Amino acid sequence: MFQEVLVRFSGFGKEEDEWINVRKHVRPRSLPCESSECVAVLAGDLILCFQEGKEQALYFDAHVLDAQRRRHDVRGCRCRFLVRYDHDQSEEIMTLRKVCRRPETDYRLHQLHAVNDAAPADHQKISLDHPAIVHGTRVTNSSEMVQKQQ
């Protein structure tokens, strides 16, 4: 398998072509997050964030420092993510609309869908939209436990 490819960047001529190591310098495309995918973004994750500056707006690598989960509404995900950009170490609070997740987080979504598909129809689906559900785990209070036991 080839490890290097000849690359020509848009707007440059043949004389500026570069050989690059694919394994070292190319990674799979980051995926824009949909409203229901906020559960796949966790503290410590490497993500791609849209940073708007005074003169430019670009995507940069960042690490999630904290995730503040909020109830979703008709507009979609209302969660907030505190991120630290890798290029300048600045921090910013982001909405999900400005976040792209790495493809290696797909397994988290597959696990969540498998749990939801396996859940009996009479049980609540796992969701962060429900106040009694935290991080994909159903939280039951004592009055609910008493009712279930009776």
Protein backbone atom coordinates (compact mmCIF):
# COMPACT_ATOMS: atom_id res chain seq x y z
CA MET A 1 0.00 0.00 0.00
CA PHE A 2 1.23 3.49 -0.84
CA GLN A 3 2.17 5.64 2.13
CA GLU A 4 2.86 8.84 0.20
CA VAL A 5 0.74 10.74 -2.29
CA LEU A 6 1.41 13.74 -4.50
CA VAL A 7 -0.87 16.61 -3.48
CA ARG A 8 -1.75 19.79 -5.35
CA PHE A 9 -3.58 22.38 -3.29
CA SER A 10 -6.34 24.43 -4.86
CA GLY A 11 -5.02 27.68 -6.29
CA PHE A 12 -1.43 26.45 -6.61
CA GLY A 13 0.45 25.26 -9.68
CA LYS A 14 2.24 22.03 -10.50
CA GLU A 15 5.55 23.41 -9.20
CA GLU A 16 4.05 23.58 -5.67
CA ASP A 17 2.94 19.91 -5.59
CA GLU A 18 4.01 18.12 -2.40
CA TRP A 19 4.57 14.51 -1.47
CA ILE A 20 2.90 13.81 1.88
CA ASN A 21 2.76 10.76 4.11
CA VAL A 22 -0.89 9.72 4.23
CA ARG A 23 -0.66 7.82 7.52
CA LYS A 24 1.01 10.75 9.23
CA HIS A 25 -0.71 13.80 7.69
CA VAL A 26 -4.19 12.74 6.58
CA ARG A 27 -7.03 11.72 8.86
CA PRO A 28 -10.64 10.69 8.29
CA ARG A 29 -13.13 13.48 7.81
CA SER A 30 -14.70 14.90 10.97
CA LEU A 31 -18.48 14.59 11.02
CA PRO A 32 -20.89 17.47 11.69
CA CYS A 33 -23.00 16.63 14.73
CA GLU A 34 -26.74 16.20 14.55
CA SER A 35 -28.90 17.23 17.52
CA SER A 36 -29.23 13.70 18.83
CA GLU A 37 -25.46 13.07 18.66
CA CYS A 38 -24.44 15.33 21.54
CA VAL A 39 -24.21 12.20 23.72
CA ALA A 40 -21.19 11.10 21.66
CA VAL A 41 -19.21 14.23 22.64
CA LEU A 42 -17.46 13.69 25.97
CA ALA A 43 -14.89 15.50 28.07
CA GLY A 44 -11.40 14.68 26.80
CA ASP A 45 -12.51 14.15 23.17
CA LEU A 46 -10.59 15.63 20.26
CA ILE A 47 -13.11 17.49 18.10
CA LEU A 48 -13.13 19.99 15.27
CA CYS A 49 -14.63 23.41 16.19
CA PHE A 50 -15.68 26.36 14.09
CA GLN A 51 -13.95 29.44 15.52
CA GLU A 52 -15.07 32.85 14.34
CA GLY A 53 -12.50 35.62 14.63
CA LYS A 54 -12.50 39.29 13.62
CA GLU A 55 -10.82 38.62 10.28
CA GLN A 56 -11.42 34.93 9.62
CA ALA A 57 -13.61 31.99 10.51
CA LEU A 58 -11.93 28.57 10.42
CA TYR A 59 -12.18 25.06 11.84
CA PHE A 60 -9.56 24.11 14.43
CA ASP A 61 -8.78 21.03 16.51
CA ALA A 62 -9.88 21.36 20.11
CA HIS A 63 -10.31 19.17 23.18
CA VAL A 64 -13.55 19.08 25.16
CA LEU A 65 -12.93 20.15 28.75
CA ASP A 66 -16.52 19.89 29.95
CA ALA A 67 -19.98 19.14 28.59
CA GLN A 68 -23.02 20.88 30.08
CA ARG A 69 -26.04 18.78 29.14
CA ARG A 70 -29.29 20.66 28.66
CA ARG A 71 -32.82 19.69 27.73
CA HIS A 72 -33.39 19.69 23.98
CA ASP A 73 -36.25 21.74 22.56
CA VAL A 74 -37.86 22.33 19.17
CA ARG A 75 -34.65 24.05 17.99
CA GLY A 76 -32.61 20.93 18.79
CA CYS A 77 -29.64 20.42 21.10
CA ARG A 78 -29.15 23.11 23.74
CA CYS A 79 -26.04 21.51 25.30
CA ARG A 80 -22.87 23.56 25.76
CA PHE A 81 -19.26 22.39 25.46
CA LEU A 82 -16.23 24.04 26.99
CA VAL A 83 -13.33 23.49 24.61
CA ARG A 84 -9.63 24.35 24.49
CA TYR A 85 -8.19 24.95 21.04
CA ASP A 86 -4.99 23.04 20.35
CA HIS A 87 -3.37 25.77 18.22
CA ASP A 88 -3.47 28.63 20.76
CA GLN A 89 -4.74 27.06 24.02
CA SER A 90 -7.67 29.53 24.16
CA GLU A 91 -10.96 28.33 25.64
CA GLU A 92 -14.50 28.89 24.42
CA ILE A 93 -18.01 27.64 25.15
CA MET A 94 -19.47 26.09 22.00
CA THR A 95 -22.88 24.90 20.88
CA LEU A 96 -23.22 21.60 19.05
CA ARG A 97 -23.80 23.43 15.73
CA LYS A 98 -20.13 24.49 15.72
CA VAL A 99 -18.76 21.05 16.62
CA CYS A 100 -17.69 18.20 14.35
CA ARG A 101 -16.98 14.88 16.01
CA ARG A 102 -14.29 12.41 15.06
CA PRO A 103 -15.43 9.25 13.23
CA GLU A 104 -13.90 7.07 15.94
CA THR A 105 -16.78 8.15 18.25
CA ASP A 106 -19.29 6.27 16.04
CA TYR A 107 -19.13 3.27 18.38
CA ARG A 108 -20.76 5.36 21.14
CA LEU A 109 -23.75 6.08 18.93
CA HIS A 110 -23.98 2.43 17.86
CA GLN A 111 -23.98 1.36 21.53
CA LEU A 112 -26.73 3.86 22.38
CA HIS A 113 -28.86 2.72 19.43
CA ALA A 114 -28.36 -0.94 20.39
CA VAL A 115 -29.51 -0.26 23.96
CA ASN A 116 -32.53 1.68 22.72
CA ASP A 117 -33.43 -1.03 20.18
CA ALA A 118 -33.19 -3.71 22.85
CA ALA A 119 -35.31 -1.81 25.41
CA PRO A 120 -38.87 -3.09 25.90
CA ALA A 121 -41.51 -0.87 24.31
CA ASP A 122 -43.02 0.04 27.71
CA HIS A 123 -39.73 1.49 28.99
CA GLN A 124 -38.50 5.00 28.31
CA LYS A 125 -35.86 5.18 25.58
CA ILE A 126 -32.46 6.42 26.73
CA SER A 127 -32.27 10.11 26.01
CA LEU A 128 -30.82 13.26 27.48
CA ASP A 129 -34.13 14.98 26.73
CA HIS A 130 -35.76 13.33 29.77
CA PRO A 131 -34.94 14.96 33.15
CA ALA A 132 -34.62 11.60 34.93
CA ILE A 133 -31.95 10.38 32.53
CA VAL A 134 -28.33 11.37 33.02
CA HIS A 135 -25.52 10.38 30.65
CA GLY A 136 -27.52 7.52 29.17
CA THR A 137 -28.40 5.97 32.55
CA ARG A 138 -31.94 6.03 33.95
CA VAL A 139 -32.07 7.62 37.38
CA THR A 140 -34.95 6.39 39.52
CA ASN A 141 -36.04 8.21 42.67
CA SER A 142 -37.29 6.39 45.78
CA SER A 143 -41.02 7.07 45.13
CA GLU A 144 -40.70 5.43 41.70
CA MET A 145 -39.03 2.42 43.30
CA VAL A 146 -41.88 2.04 45.82
CA GLN A 147 -44.47 2.24 43.04
CA LYS A 148 -42.61 -0.40 41.01
CA GLN A 149 -42.39 -2.76 43.99
CA GLN A 150 -46.16 -2.55 44.62
